[in-house]
Amino acid sequence: MKARIHITLKNGVLDPQGKATQNALHHLGFSEVSGVRQGKFIEVDLAENDRAAAEAKVKAMCEKLLANTVVENYRFELVA
């Protein structure tokens, strides 16, 4: 089973990388772009067949290491 994890900054948290990307896009002529936010995407292969157990393990991974839950949100999906 594979977990696809998306991690993004919470609303209200400053995103200097997103701002730098937005500025670079403006310099390249994409002036219509606004509100760029940057995040992380992580794929994890799990040797787990039980969906509920896999969800619990991925949630624990996110809470303990992958996401800083003070300033980041995360969501994930499991695919067979």
PDB file of N, CA and C in Angstrom:
ATOM      1  N   MET A   1       0.857  -1.171   0.000  1.00  0.00           N
ATOM      2  CA  MET A   1       0.000   0.000   0.000  1.00  0.00           C
ATOM      3  C   MET A   1       0.903   1.233   0.000  1.00  0.00           C
ATOM      4  N   LYS A   2       0.462   2.287  -0.665  1.00  0.00           N
ATOM      5  CA  LYS A   2       1.225   3.520  -0.760  1.00  0.00           C
ATOM      6  C   LYS A   2       0.432   4.651  -0.128  1.00  0.00           C
ATOM      7  N   ALA A   3       1.119   5.497   0.617  1.00  0.00           N
ATOM      8  CA  ALA A   3       0.508   6.699   1.183  1.00  0.00           C
ATOM      9  C   ALA A   3       1.060   7.903   0.435  1.00  0.00           C
ATOM     10  N   ARG A   4       0.161   8.783   0.015  1.00  0.00           N
ATOM     11  CA  ARG A   4       0.540  10.049  -0.613  1.00  0.00           C
ATOM     12  C   ARG A   4       0.173  11.157   0.365  1.00  0.00           C
ATOM     13  N   ILE A   5       1.180  11.839   0.867  1.00  0.00           N
ATOM     14  CA  ILE A   5       1.003  12.808   1.949  1.00  0.00           C
ATOM     15  C   ILE A   5       1.272  14.217   1.424  1.00  0.00           C
ATOM     16  N   HIS A   6       0.329  15.115   1.660  1.00  0.00           N
ATOM     17  CA  HIS A   6       0.451  16.518   1.265  1.00  0.00           C
ATOM     18  C   HIS A   6       0.544  17.352   2.544  1.00  0.00           C
ATOM     19  N   ILE A   7       1.592  18.166   2.644  1.00  0.00           N
ATOM     20  CA  ILE A   7       1.807  18.998   3.821  1.00  0.00           C
ATOM     21  C   ILE A   7       1.855  20.459   3.365  1.00  0.00           C
ATOM     22  N   THR A   8       1.034  21.297   3.993  1.00  0.00           N
ATOM     23  CA  THR A   8       0.979  22.716   3.647  1.00  0.00           C
ATOM     24  C   THR A   8       1.001  23.556   4.911  1.00  0.00           C
ATOM     25  N   LEU A   9       1.439  24.801   4.752  1.00  0.00           N
ATOM     26  CA  LEU A   9       1.421  25.721   5.887  1.00  0.00           C
ATOM     27  C   LEU A   9      -0.019  26.102   6.224  1.00  0.00           C
ATOM     28  N   LYS A  10      -0.285  26.275   7.489  1.00  0.00           N
ATOM     29  CA  LYS A  10      -1.607  26.717   7.918  1.00  0.00           C
ATOM     30  C   LYS A  10      -1.848  28.149   7.453  1.00  0.00           C
ATOM     31  N   ASN A  11      -3.124  28.497   7.286  1.00  0.00           N
ATOM     32  CA  ASN A  11      -3.471  29.868   6.933  1.00  0.00           C
ATOM     33  C   ASN A  11      -2.940  30.812   8.003  1.00  0.00           C
ATOM     34  N   GLY A  12      -2.421  31.944   7.584  1.00  0.00           N
ATOM     35  CA  GLY A  12      -1.889  32.926   8.519  1.00  0.00           C
ATOM     36  C   GLY A  12      -0.415  32.768   8.812  1.00  0.00           C
ATOM     37  N   VAL A  13       0.174  31.625   8.427  1.00  0.00           N
ATOM     38  CA  VAL A  13       1.612  31.420   8.625  1.00  0.00           C
ATOM     39  C   VAL A  13       2.334  31.984   7.405  1.00  0.00           C
ATOM     40  N   LEU A  14       3.328  32.828   7.649  1.00  0.00           N
ATOM     41  CA  LEU A  14       4.093  33.414   6.554  1.00  0.00           C
ATOM     42  C   LEU A  14       4.801  32.331   5.749  1.00  0.00           C
ATOM     43  N   ASP A  15       4.818  32.523   4.421  1.00  0.00           N
ATOM     44  CA  ASP A  15       5.424  31.544   3.525  1.00  0.00           C
ATOM     45  C   ASP A  15       6.471  32.240   2.651  1.00  0.00           C
ATOM     46  N   PRO A  16       7.700  32.416   3.166  1.00  0.00           N
ATOM     47  CA  PRO A  16       8.720  33.115   2.382  1.00  0.00           C
ATOM     48  C   PRO A  16       9.081  32.399   1.080  1.00  0.00           C
ATOM     49  N   GLN A  17       9.044  31.072   1.066  1.00  0.00           N
ATOM     50  CA  GLN A  17       9.332  30.346  -0.180  1.00  0.00           C
ATOM     51  C   GLN A  17       8.244  30.599  -1.218  1.00  0.00           C
ATOM     52  N   GLY A  18       7.012  30.605  -0.783  1.00  0.00           N
ATOM     53  CA  GLY A  18       5.907  30.895  -1.691  1.00  0.00           C
ATOM     54  C   GLY A  18       6.011  32.303  -2.241  1.00  0.00           C
ATOM     55  N   LYS A  19       6.369  33.258  -1.393  1.00  0.00           N
ATOM     56  CA  LYS A  19       6.525  34.651  -1.821  1.00  0.00           C
ATOM     57  C   LYS A  19       7.666  34.777  -2.830  1.00  0.00           C
ATOM     58  N   ALA A  20       8.787  34.098  -2.578  1.00  0.00           N
ATOM     59  CA  ALA A  20       9.918  34.129  -3.512  1.00  0.00           C
ATOM     60  C   ALA A  20       9.530  33.516  -4.859  1.00  0.00           C
ATOM     61  N   THR A  21       8.777  32.437  -4.824  1.00  0.00           N
ATOM     62  CA  THR A  21       8.313  31.807  -6.063  1.00  0.00           C
ATOM     63  C   THR A  21       7.382  32.747  -6.813  1.00  0.00           C
ATOM     64  N   GLN A  22       6.487  33.389  -6.096  1.00  0.00           N
ATOM     65  CA  GLN A  22       5.564  34.345  -6.717  1.00  0.00           C
ATOM     66  C   GLN A  22       6.343  35.486  -7.378  1.00  0.00           C
ATOM     67  N   ASN A  23       7.332  36.033  -6.672  1.00  0.00           N
ATOM     68  CA  ASN A  23       8.146  37.114  -7.235  1.00  0.00           C
ATOM     69  C   ASN A  23       8.894  36.652  -8.484  1.00  0.00           C
ATOM     70  N   ALA A  24       9.437  35.447  -8.455  1.00  0.00           N
ATOM     71  CA  ALA A  24      10.150  34.915  -9.618  1.00  0.00           C
ATOM     72  C   ALA A  24       9.204  34.754 -10.802  1.00  0.00           C
ATOM     73  N   LEU A  25       7.997  34.272 -10.544  1.00  0.00           N
ATOM     74  CA  LEU A  25       7.007  34.132 -11.620  1.00  0.00           C
ATOM     75  C   LEU A  25       6.652  35.495 -12.209  1.00  0.00           C
ATOM     76  N   HIS A  26       6.525  36.514 -11.368  1.00  0.00           N
ATOM     77  CA  HIS A  26       6.242  37.870 -11.852  1.00  0.00           C
ATOM     78  C   HIS A  26       7.379  38.359 -12.757  1.00  0.00           C
ATOM     79  N   HIS A  27       8.622  38.106 -12.351  1.00  0.00           N
ATOM     80  CA  HIS A  27       9.773  38.523 -13.153  1.00  0.00           C
ATOM     81  C   HIS A  27       9.834  37.779 -14.484  1.00  0.00           C
ATOM     82  N   LEU A  28       9.250  36.601 -14.547  1.00  0.00           N
ATOM     83  CA  LEU A  28       9.215  35.827 -15.785  1.00  0.00           C
ATOM     84  C   LEU A  28       8.024  36.181 -16.664  1.00  0.00           C
ATOM     85  N   GLY A  29       7.230  37.151 -16.206  1.00  0.00           N
ATOM     86  CA  GLY A  29       6.113  37.612 -17.019  1.00  0.00           C
ATOM     87  C   GLY A  29       4.752  37.060 -16.639  1.00  0.00           C
ATOM     88  N   PHE A  30       4.676  36.318 -15.560  1.00  0.00           N
ATOM     89  CA  PHE A  30       3.403  35.754 -15.105  1.00  0.00           C
ATOM     90  C   PHE A  30       2.801  36.656 -14.027  1.00  0.00           C
ATOM     91  N   SER A  31       2.477  37.883 -14.415  1.00  0.00           N
ATOM     92  CA  SER A  31       2.017  38.874 -13.442  1.00  0.00           C
ATOM     93  C   SER A  31       0.630  38.570 -12.883  1.00  0.00           C
ATOM     94  N   GLU A  32      -0.116  37.685 -13.520  1.00  0.00           N
ATOM     95  CA  GLU A  32      -1.459  37.345 -13.039  1.00  0.00           C
ATOM     96  C   GLU A  32      -1.447  36.399 -11.846  1.00  0.00           C
ATOM     97  N   VAL A  33      -0.283  35.875 -11.494  1.00  0.00           N
ATOM     98  CA  VAL A  33      -0.157  34.917 -10.386  1.00  0.00           C
ATOM     99  C   VAL A  33      -0.180  35.663  -9.054  1.00  0.00           C
ATOM    100  N   SER A  34      -0.939  35.128  -8.104  1.00  0.00           N
ATOM    101  CA  SER A  34      -0.950  35.701  -6.755  1.00  0.00           C
ATOM    102  C   SER A  34      -1.194  34.593  -5.735  1.00  0.00           C
ATOM    103  N   GLY A  35      -0.860  34.871  -4.514  1.00  0.00           N
ATOM    104  CA  GLY A  35      -1.147  33.941  -3.420  1.00  0.00           C
ATOM    105  C   GLY A  35      -0.444  32.603  -3.521  1.00  0.00           C
ATOM    106  N   VAL A  36       0.817  32.597  -3.929  1.00  0.00           N
ATOM    107  CA  VAL A  36       1.553  31.333  -4.058  1.00  0.00           C
ATOM    108  C   VAL A  36       1.904  30.809  -2.669  1.00  0.00           C
ATOM    109  N   ARG A  37       1.574  29.561  -2.418  1.00  0.00           N
ATOM    110  CA  ARG A  37       1.923  28.883  -1.167  1.00  0.00           C
ATOM    111  C   ARG A  37       2.673  27.613  -1.554  1.00  0.00           C
ATOM    112  N   GLN A  38       3.704  27.300  -0.826  1.00  0.00           N
ATOM    113  CA  GLN A  38       4.514  26.140  -1.134  1.00  0.00           C
ATOM    114  C   GLN A  38       4.355  25.104  -0.031  1.00  0.00           C
ATOM    115  N   GLY A  39       4.413  23.836  -0.408  1.00  0.00           N
ATOM    116  CA  GLY A  39       4.276  22.760   0.563  1.00  0.00           C
ATOM    117  C   GLY A  39       5.186  21.597   0.222  1.00  0.00           C
ATOM    118  N   LYS A  40       4.883  20.446   0.808  1.00  0.00           N
ATOM    119  CA  LYS A  40       5.674  19.235   0.587  1.00  0.00           C
ATOM    120  C   LYS A  40       4.751  18.110   0.138  1.00  0.00           C
ATOM    121  N   PHE A  41       5.287  17.228  -0.671  1.00  0.00           N
ATOM    122  CA  PHE A  41       4.585  16.014  -1.078  1.00  0.00           C
ATOM    123  C   PHE A  41       5.508  14.849  -0.793  1.00  0.00           C
ATOM    124  N   ILE A  42       5.004  13.865  -0.056  1.00  0.00           N
ATOM    125  CA  ILE A  42       5.812  12.707   0.334  1.00  0.00           C
ATOM    126  C   ILE A  42       5.037  11.436  -0.011  1.00  0.00           C
ATOM    127  N   GLU A  43       5.708  10.474  -0.640  1.00  0.00           N
ATOM    128  CA  GLU A  43       5.119   9.151  -0.876  1.00  0.00           C
ATOM    129  C   GLU A  43       5.836   8.146  -0.003  1.00  0.00           C
ATOM    130  N   VAL A  44       5.058   7.287   0.626  1.00  0.00           N
ATOM    131  CA  VAL A  44       5.604   6.263   1.511  1.00  0.00           C
ATOM    132  C   VAL A  44       4.993   4.927   1.118  1.00  0.00           C
ATOM    133  N   ASP A  45       5.839   3.922   0.873  1.00  0.00           N
ATOM    134  CA  ASP A  45       5.357   2.564   0.639  1.00  0.00           C
ATOM    135  C   ASP A  45       5.242   1.859   1.984  1.00  0.00           C
ATOM    136  N   LEU A  46       4.098   1.253   2.209  1.00  0.00           N
ATOM    137  CA  LEU A  46       3.838   0.559   3.473  1.00  0.00           C
ATOM    138  C   LEU A  46       3.651  -0.929   3.229  1.00  0.00           C
ATOM    139  N   ALA A  47       4.258  -1.742   4.046  1.00  0.00           N
ATOM    140  CA  ALA A  47       4.033  -3.186   4.013  1.00  0.00           C
ATOM    141  C   ALA A  47       2.876  -3.490   4.951  1.00  0.00           C
ATOM    142  N   GLU A  48       1.717  -3.002   4.580  1.00  0.00           N
ATOM    143  CA  GLU A  48       0.512  -3.127   5.422  1.00  0.00           C
ATOM    144  C   GLU A  48      -0.681  -3.366   4.515  1.00  0.00           C
ATOM    145  N   ASN A  49      -1.462  -4.377   4.825  1.00  0.00           N
ATOM    146  CA  ASN A  49      -2.643  -4.694   4.021  1.00  0.00           C
ATOM    147  C   ASN A  49      -3.940  -4.189   4.646  1.00  0.00           C
ATOM    148  N   ASP A  50      -3.927  -3.954   5.949  1.00  0.00           N
ATOM    149  CA  ASP A  50      -5.117  -3.488   6.646  1.00  0.00           C
ATOM    150  C   ASP A  50      -5.211  -1.966   6.524  1.00  0.00           C
ATOM    151  N   ARG A  51      -6.270  -1.482   5.900  1.00  0.00           N
ATOM    152  CA  ARG A  51      -6.416  -0.048   5.622  1.00  0.00           C
ATOM    153  C   ARG A  51      -6.449   0.781   6.907  1.00  0.00           C
ATOM    154  N   ALA A  52      -7.178   0.339   7.907  1.00  0.00           N
ATOM    155  CA  ALA A  52      -7.282   1.078   9.164  1.00  0.00           C
ATOM    156  C   ALA A  52      -5.922   1.162   9.856  1.00  0.00           C
ATOM    157  N   ALA A  53      -5.183   0.079   9.842  1.00  0.00           N
ATOM    158  CA  ALA A  53      -3.851   0.083  10.456  1.00  0.00           C
ATOM    159  C   ALA A  53      -2.905   0.997   9.683  1.00  0.00           C
ATOM    160  N   ALA A  54      -3.004   0.974   8.356  1.00  0.00           N
ATOM    161  CA  ALA A  54      -2.161   1.846   7.529  1.00  0.00           C
ATOM    162  C   ALA A  54      -2.476   3.311   7.805  1.00  0.00           C
ATOM    163  N   GLU A  55      -3.754   3.653   7.898  1.00  0.00           N
ATOM    164  CA  GLU A  55      -4.141   5.040   8.201  1.00  0.00           C
ATOM    165  C   GLU A  55      -3.582   5.477   9.548  1.00  0.00           C
ATOM    166  N   ALA A  56      -3.670   4.616  10.542  1.00  0.00           N
ATOM    167  CA  ALA A  56      -3.156   4.950  11.878  1.00  0.00           C
ATOM    168  C   ALA A  56      -1.640   5.160  11.843  1.00  0.00           C
ATOM    169  N   LYS A  57      -0.939   4.317  11.085  1.00  0.00           N
ATOM    170  CA  LYS A  57       0.518   4.451  11.006  1.00  0.00           C
ATOM    171  C   LYS A  57       0.923   5.734  10.289  1.00  0.00           C
ATOM    172  N   VAL A  58       0.244   6.058   9.190  1.00  0.00           N
ATOM    173  CA  VAL A  58       0.589   7.277   8.449  1.00  0.00           C
ATOM    174  C   VAL A  58       0.280   8.510   9.299  1.00  0.00           C
ATOM    175  N   LYS A  59      -0.834   8.482  10.002  1.00  0.00           N
ATOM    176  CA  LYS A  59      -1.165   9.602  10.878  1.00  0.00           C
ATOM    177  C   LYS A  59      -0.082   9.776  11.945  1.00  0.00           C
ATOM    178  N   ALA A  60       0.376   8.688  12.530  1.00  0.00           N
ATOM    179  CA  ALA A  60       1.439   8.751  13.546  1.00  0.00           C
ATOM    180  C   ALA A  60       2.733   9.289  12.941  1.00  0.00           C
ATOM    181  N   MET A  61       3.069   8.872  11.707  1.00  0.00           N
ATOM    182  CA  MET A  61       4.272   9.375  11.033  1.00  0.00           C
ATOM    183  C   MET A  61       4.191  10.890  10.851  1.00  0.00           C
ATOM    184  N   CYS A  62       3.028  11.354  10.423  1.00  0.00           N
ATOM    185  CA  CYS A  62       2.838  12.792  10.203  1.00  0.00           C
ATOM    186  C   CYS A  62       2.927  13.566  11.508  1.00  0.00           C
ATOM    187  N   GLU A  63       2.271  13.064  12.537  1.00  0.00           N
ATOM    188  CA  GLU A  63       2.241  13.757  13.833  1.00  0.00           C
ATOM    189  C   GLU A  63       3.607  13.781  14.507  1.00  0.00           C
ATOM    190  N   LYS A  64       4.395  12.707  14.333  1.00  0.00           N
ATOM    191  CA  LYS A  64       5.667  12.594  15.042  1.00  0.00           C
ATOM    192  C   LYS A  64       6.864  13.154  14.277  1.00  0.00           C
ATOM    193  N   LEU A  65       6.795  13.165  12.926  1.00  0.00           N
ATOM    194  CA  LEU A  65       7.984  13.547  12.176  1.00  0.00           C
ATOM    195  C   LEU A  65       7.721  14.373  10.918  1.00  0.00           C
ATOM    196  N   LEU A  66       6.827  13.924  10.084  1.00  0.00           N
ATOM    197  CA  LEU A  66       6.720  14.505   8.745  1.00  0.00           C
ATOM    198  C   LEU A  66       6.156  15.917   8.710  1.00  0.00           C
ATOM    199  N   ALA A  67       5.233  16.236   9.591  1.00  0.00           N
ATOM    200  CA  ALA A  67       4.616  17.571   9.611  1.00  0.00           C
ATOM    201  C   ALA A  67       4.856  18.239  10.955  1.00  0.00           C
ATOM    202  N   ASN A  68       5.107  19.517  10.898  1.00  0.00           N
ATOM    203  CA  ASN A  68       5.180  20.320  12.125  1.00  0.00           C
ATOM    204  C   ASN A  68       3.758  20.828  12.355  1.00  0.00           C
ATOM    205  N   THR A  69       3.006  20.130  13.167  1.00  0.00           N
ATOM    206  CA  THR A  69       1.570  20.412  13.310  1.00  0.00           C
ATOM    207  C   THR A  69       1.265  21.753  13.967  1.00  0.00           C
ATOM    208  N   VAL A  70       2.281  22.437  14.474  1.00  0.00           N
ATOM    209  CA  VAL A  70       2.068  23.782  15.019  1.00  0.00           C
ATOM    210  C   VAL A  70       1.784  24.755  13.875  1.00  0.00           C
ATOM    211  N   VAL A  71       2.507  24.596  12.761  1.00  0.00           N
ATOM    212  CA  VAL A  71       2.373  25.539  11.652  1.00  0.00           C
ATOM    213  C   VAL A  71       1.936  24.890  10.340  1.00  0.00           C
ATOM    214  N   GLU A  72       1.821  23.558  10.314  1.00  0.00           N
ATOM    215  CA  GLU A  72       1.477  22.865   9.071  1.00  0.00           C
ATOM    216  C   GLU A  72       0.231  21.995   9.230  1.00  0.00           C
ATOM    217  N   ASN A  73      -0.505  21.888   8.136  1.00  0.00           N
ATOM    218  CA  ASN A  73      -1.603  20.929   8.011  1.00  0.00           C
ATOM    219  C   ASN A  73      -1.114  19.782   7.145  1.00  0.00           C
ATOM    220  N   TYR A  74      -1.733  18.637   7.309  1.00  0.00           N
ATOM    221  CA  TYR A  74      -1.406  17.525   6.416  1.00  0.00           C
ATOM    222  C   TYR A  74      -2.688  16.768   6.068  1.00  0.00           C
ATOM    223  N   ARG A  75      -2.630  16.138   4.931  1.00  0.00           N
ATOM    224  CA  ARG A  75      -3.684  15.225   4.513  1.00  0.00           C
ATOM    225  C   ARG A  75      -3.015  14.114   3.740  1.00  0.00           C
ATOM    226  N   PHE A  76      -3.641  12.962   3.703  1.00  0.00           N
ATOM    227  CA  PHE A  76      -3.040  11.865   2.964  1.00  0.00           C
ATOM    228  C   PHE A  76      -4.119  10.990   2.364  1.00  0.00           C
ATOM    229  N   GLU A  77      -3.684  10.232   1.369  1.00  0.00           N
ATOM    230  CA  GLU A  77      -4.548   9.245   0.748  1.00  0.00           C
ATOM    231  C   GLU A  77      -3.773   7.943   0.641  1.00  0.00           C
ATOM    232  N   LEU A  78      -4.488   6.854   0.757  1.00  0.00           N
ATOM    233  CA  LEU A  78      -3.882   5.535   0.618  1.00  0.00           C
ATOM    234  C   LEU A  78      -4.308   4.952  -0.716  1.00  0.00           C
ATOM    235  N   VAL A  79      -3.348   4.393  -1.454  1.00  0.00           N
ATOM    236  CA  VAL A  79      -3.646   3.738  -2.719  1.00  0.00           C
ATOM    237  C   VAL A  79      -3.041   2.351  -2.692  1.00  0.00           C
ATOM    238  N   ALA A  80      -3.759   1.432  -3.297  1.00  0.00           N
ATOM    239  CA  ALA A  80      -3.289   0.039  -3.296  1.00  0.00           C
ATOM    240  C   ALA A  80      -2.179  -0.175  -4.278  1.00  0.00           C
TER     241      ALA A  80
END
